[in-house]
Amino acid sequence: MQSLSIAATGMLAQQLNVEVISNNIANMNTTGYKRQRAEFQDLLYQDQRRVGTTSSAAGTIVPTGIQLGIGVNAAATYRISAQGAMTKTDNQLDLAIRGEGFFQIELPDGQLAYTRAGAFQIGPTGNIVNQDGFSVQPGIAIPAEAIAISINSQGQVFAKIDGQVAETNLGQLQLAIFQNKAGLENIGNNLLLETDASGPPALGTPDSNGYGTLQQGFVEDSNVDPIKEITNMITAQRAYELNSKVIETSDQMMQTANNVR
């Protein structure tokens, strides 16, 4: 009786669904986090009567046939890149992206990673770093004598130096966009890596064509909707219970068949 194995695939699929939802809820307060959605696809079909075959010597055609599916399989966990809400922090190095784009972060091995989490700080050498101490690229050094830092919507970084009237232009931040941003690989710590699926990054200036604008003193919250996630979890739980009921019913049917004398 294949209904046992079919229902088992359904239970495994809903288990994965709940795990994805749980991760969304766990990261509802993670800066720059983008919620994920589990996607599924049906498995192979067994043809008991193939559609389109002839059903008589006169050449009549079977209009629908009989195809029995053997279950469901997880296809992907899709990252939904909808804009998160902006939270005001008044930290002069906190940056939020409104629109498209990612900040570039240089990892210790020299590889570039990408993030929407703009909670930045000043490192020991004066460069702008993320919360793990990895440098934001392009590298911009903040002078030790700077008493204030301002970053405009186009990503230009200025410092007010003690004793000087005019602000000093320290450099220009850039954003990276991808042809398929859902194809970026999550590596944790709010970081993403380029893959063959994402395509190479296209670098550009914030607030230019196709690139988002920067907002100083803000961070982007996660785009997780707790109410929607709880609703999705209840739906997944009910689906899991229904598949469990199929297994129970199939077992009872097998017992009944075995008891026939």
Protein backbone atom coordinates (compact mmCIF):
# COMPACT_ATOMS: atom_id res chain seq x y z
CA MET A 1 0.00 0.00 0.00
CA GLN A 2 1.78 3.11 -1.28
CA SER A 3 -0.31 5.52 0.77
CA LEU A 4 2.00 4.84 3.72
CA SER A 5 5.12 6.01 1.91
CA ILE A 6 3.26 8.87 0.21
CA ALA A 7 2.03 10.19 3.55
CA ALA A 8 5.53 9.80 4.97
CA THR A 9 6.89 12.13 2.29
CA GLY A 10 4.15 14.60 3.21
CA MET A 11 5.15 14.50 6.88
CA LEU A 12 8.81 15.03 6.02
CA ALA A 13 7.89 17.96 3.78
CA GLN A 14 5.83 19.63 6.51
CA GLN A 15 8.61 19.02 9.02
CA LEU A 16 10.94 20.99 6.75
CA ASN A 17 8.26 23.66 6.36
CA VAL A 18 7.99 24.08 10.13
CA GLU A 19 11.78 24.28 10.44
CA VAL A 20 11.92 27.09 7.87
CA ILE A 21 9.09 28.95 9.64
CA SER A 22 10.83 28.44 13.00
CA ASN A 23 14.02 29.98 11.63
CA ASN A 24 12.04 32.97 10.38
CA ILE A 25 10.50 33.51 13.80
CA ALA A 26 13.87 33.06 15.53
CA ASN A 27 15.32 35.84 13.31
CA MET A 28 12.42 38.26 13.54
CA ASN A 29 14.69 40.75 15.35
CA THR A 30 17.81 40.09 13.25
CA THR A 31 18.95 43.22 11.41
CA GLY A 32 18.59 42.89 7.64
CA TYR A 33 17.23 39.31 7.79
CA LYS A 34 15.06 38.20 4.86
CA ARG A 35 12.42 35.58 5.55
CA GLN A 36 12.43 32.30 3.67
CA ARG A 37 9.68 30.15 2.24
CA ALA A 38 9.83 26.40 1.67
CA GLU A 39 8.78 25.33 -1.81
CA PHE A 40 7.77 21.81 -2.81
CA GLN A 41 7.27 19.75 -5.94
CA ASP A 42 5.45 16.51 -6.64
CA LEU A 43 7.43 13.32 -7.20
CA LEU A 44 7.28 10.88 -10.09
CA TYR A 45 4.00 9.41 -11.33
CA GLN A 46 3.15 5.82 -12.06
CA ASP A 47 1.10 5.27 -15.22
CA GLN A 48 -1.52 2.60 -14.73
CA ARG A 49 -3.27 3.70 -17.91
CA ARG A 50 -1.24 6.04 -20.06
CA VAL A 51 -3.01 9.14 -21.31
CA GLY A 52 -3.18 9.43 -25.09
CA THR A 53 -2.87 5.73 -25.82
CA THR A 54 -5.34 3.93 -28.07
CA SER A 55 -8.16 2.14 -26.32
CA SER A 56 -9.55 0.11 -29.21
CA ALA A 57 -8.76 -1.26 -32.62
CA ALA A 58 -10.79 1.63 -34.04
CA GLY A 59 -8.12 4.05 -32.84
CA THR A 60 -10.04 5.75 -30.01
CA ILE A 61 -7.80 7.68 -27.63
CA VAL A 62 -7.73 7.50 -23.82
CA PRO A 63 -8.66 11.07 -22.80
CA THR A 64 -7.18 11.24 -19.30
CA GLY A 65 -5.57 8.00 -18.20
CA ILE A 66 -4.63 6.93 -14.68
CA GLN A 67 -1.54 8.44 -13.08
CA LEU A 68 -0.74 7.87 -9.42
CA GLY A 69 1.73 10.18 -7.69
CA ILE A 70 4.19 8.85 -5.14
CA GLY A 71 4.47 11.88 -2.88
CA VAL A 72 6.10 15.26 -2.43
CA ASN A 73 9.65 16.49 -2.24
CA ALA A 74 11.28 19.73 -1.05
CA ALA A 75 12.39 21.80 -4.05
CA ALA A 76 13.91 24.93 -2.52
CA THR A 77 13.96 27.39 0.33
CA TYR A 78 13.30 30.71 -1.36
CA ARG A 79 14.53 33.96 0.21
CA ILE A 80 11.95 36.75 -0.01
CA SER A 81 13.76 40.07 -0.39
CA ALA A 82 10.92 42.45 0.47
CA GLN A 83 11.98 45.68 2.17
CA GLY A 84 12.11 45.60 5.96
CA ALA A 85 11.02 48.47 8.21
CA MET A 86 13.53 51.16 9.18
CA THR A 87 14.46 51.62 12.83
CA LYS A 88 16.06 54.88 13.95
CA THR A 89 19.19 54.33 16.06
CA ASP A 90 20.94 57.73 15.91
CA ASN A 91 24.25 55.84 15.58
CA GLN A 92 26.20 57.79 12.96
CA LEU A 93 27.65 54.60 11.45
CA ASP A 94 24.36 52.71 11.20
CA LEU A 95 23.18 52.56 7.59
CA ALA A 96 19.97 51.23 6.07
CA ILE A 97 19.41 50.56 2.38
CA ARG A 98 16.05 51.67 1.04
CA GLY A 99 15.67 49.82 -2.23
CA GLU A 100 17.99 47.46 -4.07
CA GLY A 101 21.55 46.61 -3.13
CA PHE A 102 23.92 44.99 -0.65
CA PHE A 103 26.90 46.26 1.32
CA GLN A 104 30.22 44.59 0.51
CA ILE A 105 32.13 42.93 3.35
CA GLU A 106 35.68 41.61 3.03
CA LEU A 107 36.14 38.30 4.84
CA PRO A 108 39.46 37.36 6.52
CA ASP A 109 40.38 35.17 3.52
CA GLY A 110 39.93 38.12 1.15
CA GLN A 111 36.64 36.87 -0.28
CA LEU A 112 33.78 39.34 -0.59
CA ALA A 113 30.47 38.72 1.15
CA TYR A 114 27.29 40.75 0.94
CA THR A 115 24.81 41.94 3.54
CA ARG A 116 21.81 44.15 4.20
CA ALA A 117 22.78 44.53 7.87
CA GLY A 118 24.26 48.02 8.14
CA ALA A 119 25.08 48.13 11.87
CA PHE A 120 28.67 49.29 11.40
CA GLN A 121 31.40 50.40 13.78
CA ILE A 122 34.94 51.80 13.69
CA GLY A 123 37.72 49.20 13.79
CA PRO A 124 41.06 49.50 15.60
CA THR A 125 42.73 50.93 12.49
CA GLY A 126 39.95 53.45 11.89
CA ASN A 127 38.26 51.53 9.07
CA ILE A 128 34.51 50.92 8.97
CA VAL A 129 33.72 47.33 10.01
CA ASN A 130 30.71 45.13 10.68
CA GLN A 131 29.92 43.55 14.05
CA ASP A 132 32.48 40.79 13.45
CA GLY A 133 35.25 43.27 12.64
CA PHE A 134 35.22 42.56 8.89
CA SER A 135 35.95 45.61 6.75
CA VAL A 136 33.27 47.29 4.68
CA GLN A 137 34.36 47.75 1.07
CA PRO A 138 35.47 50.02 -0.45
CA GLY A 139 37.67 50.56 2.61
CA ILE A 140 37.19 53.97 4.24
CA ALA A 141 39.37 55.09 7.16
CA ILE A 142 37.95 57.42 9.79
CA PRO A 143 40.58 59.85 11.18
CA ALA A 144 41.16 59.64 14.92
CA GLU A 145 40.58 63.40 15.21
CA ALA A 146 37.12 63.20 13.61
CA ILE A 147 34.40 64.48 15.93
CA ALA A 148 31.42 63.68 13.67
CA ILE A 149 30.71 61.53 10.62
CA SER A 150 28.01 62.14 8.04
CA ILE A 151 26.96 59.84 5.19
CA ASN A 152 24.56 61.13 2.58
CA SER A 153 22.00 59.17 0.57
CA GLN A 154 24.52 58.74 -2.27
CA GLY A 155 27.02 57.00 0.02
CA GLN A 156 29.55 59.83 0.30
CA VAL A 157 31.30 59.73 3.68
CA PHE A 158 32.32 63.02 5.33
CA ALA A 159 34.11 63.72 8.61
CA LYS A 160 34.13 66.87 10.67
CA ILE A 161 37.67 67.32 11.91
CA ASP A 162 38.33 69.17 15.13
CA GLY A 163 39.61 72.64 14.30
CA GLN A 164 38.42 72.62 10.68
CA VAL A 165 35.37 74.43 9.35
CA ALA A 166 34.74 72.41 6.18
CA GLU A 167 33.96 68.71 6.26
CA THR A 168 36.50 66.29 4.79
CA ASN A 169 35.37 63.87 2.09
CA LEU A 170 36.66 60.43 3.15
CA GLY A 171 35.37 58.34 0.29
CA GLN A 172 32.43 56.77 -1.50
CA LEU A 173 30.46 53.68 -0.45
CA GLN A 174 29.17 51.38 -3.17
CA LEU A 175 26.30 48.91 -3.37
CA ALA A 176 26.18 45.58 -5.16
CA ILE A 177 23.15 44.24 -6.99
CA PHE A 178 22.64 40.80 -8.54
CA GLN A 179 20.66 39.44 -11.46
CA ASN A 180 19.24 36.75 -9.15
CA LYS A 181 19.64 37.80 -5.52
CA ALA A 182 17.67 34.73 -4.40
CA GLY A 183 20.62 32.70 -5.69
CA LEU A 184 23.02 34.09 -3.08
CA GLU A 185 24.30 31.57 -0.54
CA ASN A 186 23.60 32.13 3.17
CA ILE A 187 26.70 31.55 5.32
CA GLY A 188 25.37 32.97 8.59
CA ASN A 189 26.30 36.13 10.48
CA ASN A 190 24.01 38.12 8.13
CA LEU A 191 26.37 37.38 5.22
CA LEU A 192 25.73 36.08 1.71
CA LEU A 193 28.11 34.77 -0.93
CA GLU A 194 28.01 35.05 -4.71
CA THR A 195 27.17 31.83 -6.57
CA ASP A 196 26.76 30.76 -10.18
CA ALA A 197 23.00 31.06 -9.63
CA SER A 198 23.19 34.67 -8.41
CA GLY A 199 25.50 35.83 -11.16
CA PRO A 200 28.34 38.32 -10.60
CA PRO A 201 27.70 41.56 -8.67
CA ALA A 202 27.13 44.83 -10.46
CA LEU A 203 28.60 47.68 -8.41
CA GLY A 204 27.16 51.16 -8.39
CA THR A 205 26.62 54.34 -6.42
CA PRO A 206 23.68 54.51 -4.01
CA ASP A 207 20.73 56.59 -5.21
CA SER A 208 21.68 56.03 -8.86
CA ASN A 209 19.70 54.14 -11.48
CA GLY A 210 18.66 50.75 -10.07
CA TYR A 211 20.40 51.19 -6.70
CA GLY A 212 18.81 51.98 -3.35
CA THR A 213 19.48 55.01 -1.20
CA LEU A 214 21.30 55.05 2.14
CA GLN A 215 19.81 56.35 5.36
CA GLN A 216 22.28 57.26 8.08
CA GLY A 217 21.28 56.59 11.66
CA PHE A 218 18.86 53.80 10.72
CA VAL A 219 19.03 50.02 10.38
CA GLU A 220 16.74 47.79 8.34
CA ASP A 221 14.67 45.38 10.42
CA SER A 222 13.88 41.86 9.28
CA ASN A 223 10.91 41.50 6.96
CA VAL A 224 9.39 38.72 9.07
CA ASP A 225 5.68 39.14 9.85
CA PRO A 226 5.14 37.21 13.12
CA ILE A 227 1.38 36.88 12.63
CA LYS A 228 1.80 35.48 9.13
CA GLU A 229 4.51 33.07 10.30
CA ILE A 230 2.33 31.74 13.13
CA THR A 231 -0.53 31.32 10.66
CA ASN A 232 1.77 29.41 8.31
CA MET A 233 2.95 27.24 11.19
CA ILE A 234 -0.62 26.32 12.13
CA THR A 235 -1.31 25.42 8.49
CA ALA A 236 1.83 23.27 8.36
CA GLN A 237 0.88 21.57 11.63
CA ARG A 238 -2.57 20.71 10.29
CA ALA A 239 -1.04 19.32 7.09
CA TYR A 240 1.35 17.20 9.18
CA GLU A 241 -1.57 15.87 11.23
CA LEU A 242 -3.53 15.01 8.08
CA ASN A 243 -0.60 13.04 6.66
CA SER A 244 -0.30 11.26 10.00
CA LYS A 245 -3.99 10.42 9.78
CA VAL A 246 -3.42 8.92 6.31
CA ILE A 247 -0.77 6.60 7.78
CA GLU A 248 -3.14 5.61 10.59
CA THR A 249 -5.98 4.94 8.14
CA SER A 250 -3.72 2.95 5.80
CA ASP A 251 -2.57 0.83 8.73
CA GLN A 252 -6.16 0.11 9.71
CA MET A 253 -6.99 -0.87 6.12
CA MET A 254 -4.01 -3.26 6.04
CA GLN A 255 -5.09 -4.81 9.34
CA THR A 256 -8.60 -5.28 7.97
CA ALA A 257 -7.22 -6.93 4.83
CA ASN A 258 -5.01 -9.24 6.91
CA ASN A 259 -7.99 -10.29 9.04
CA VAL A 260 -10.03 -11.43 6.05
CA ARG A 261 -10.35 -15.24 6.19
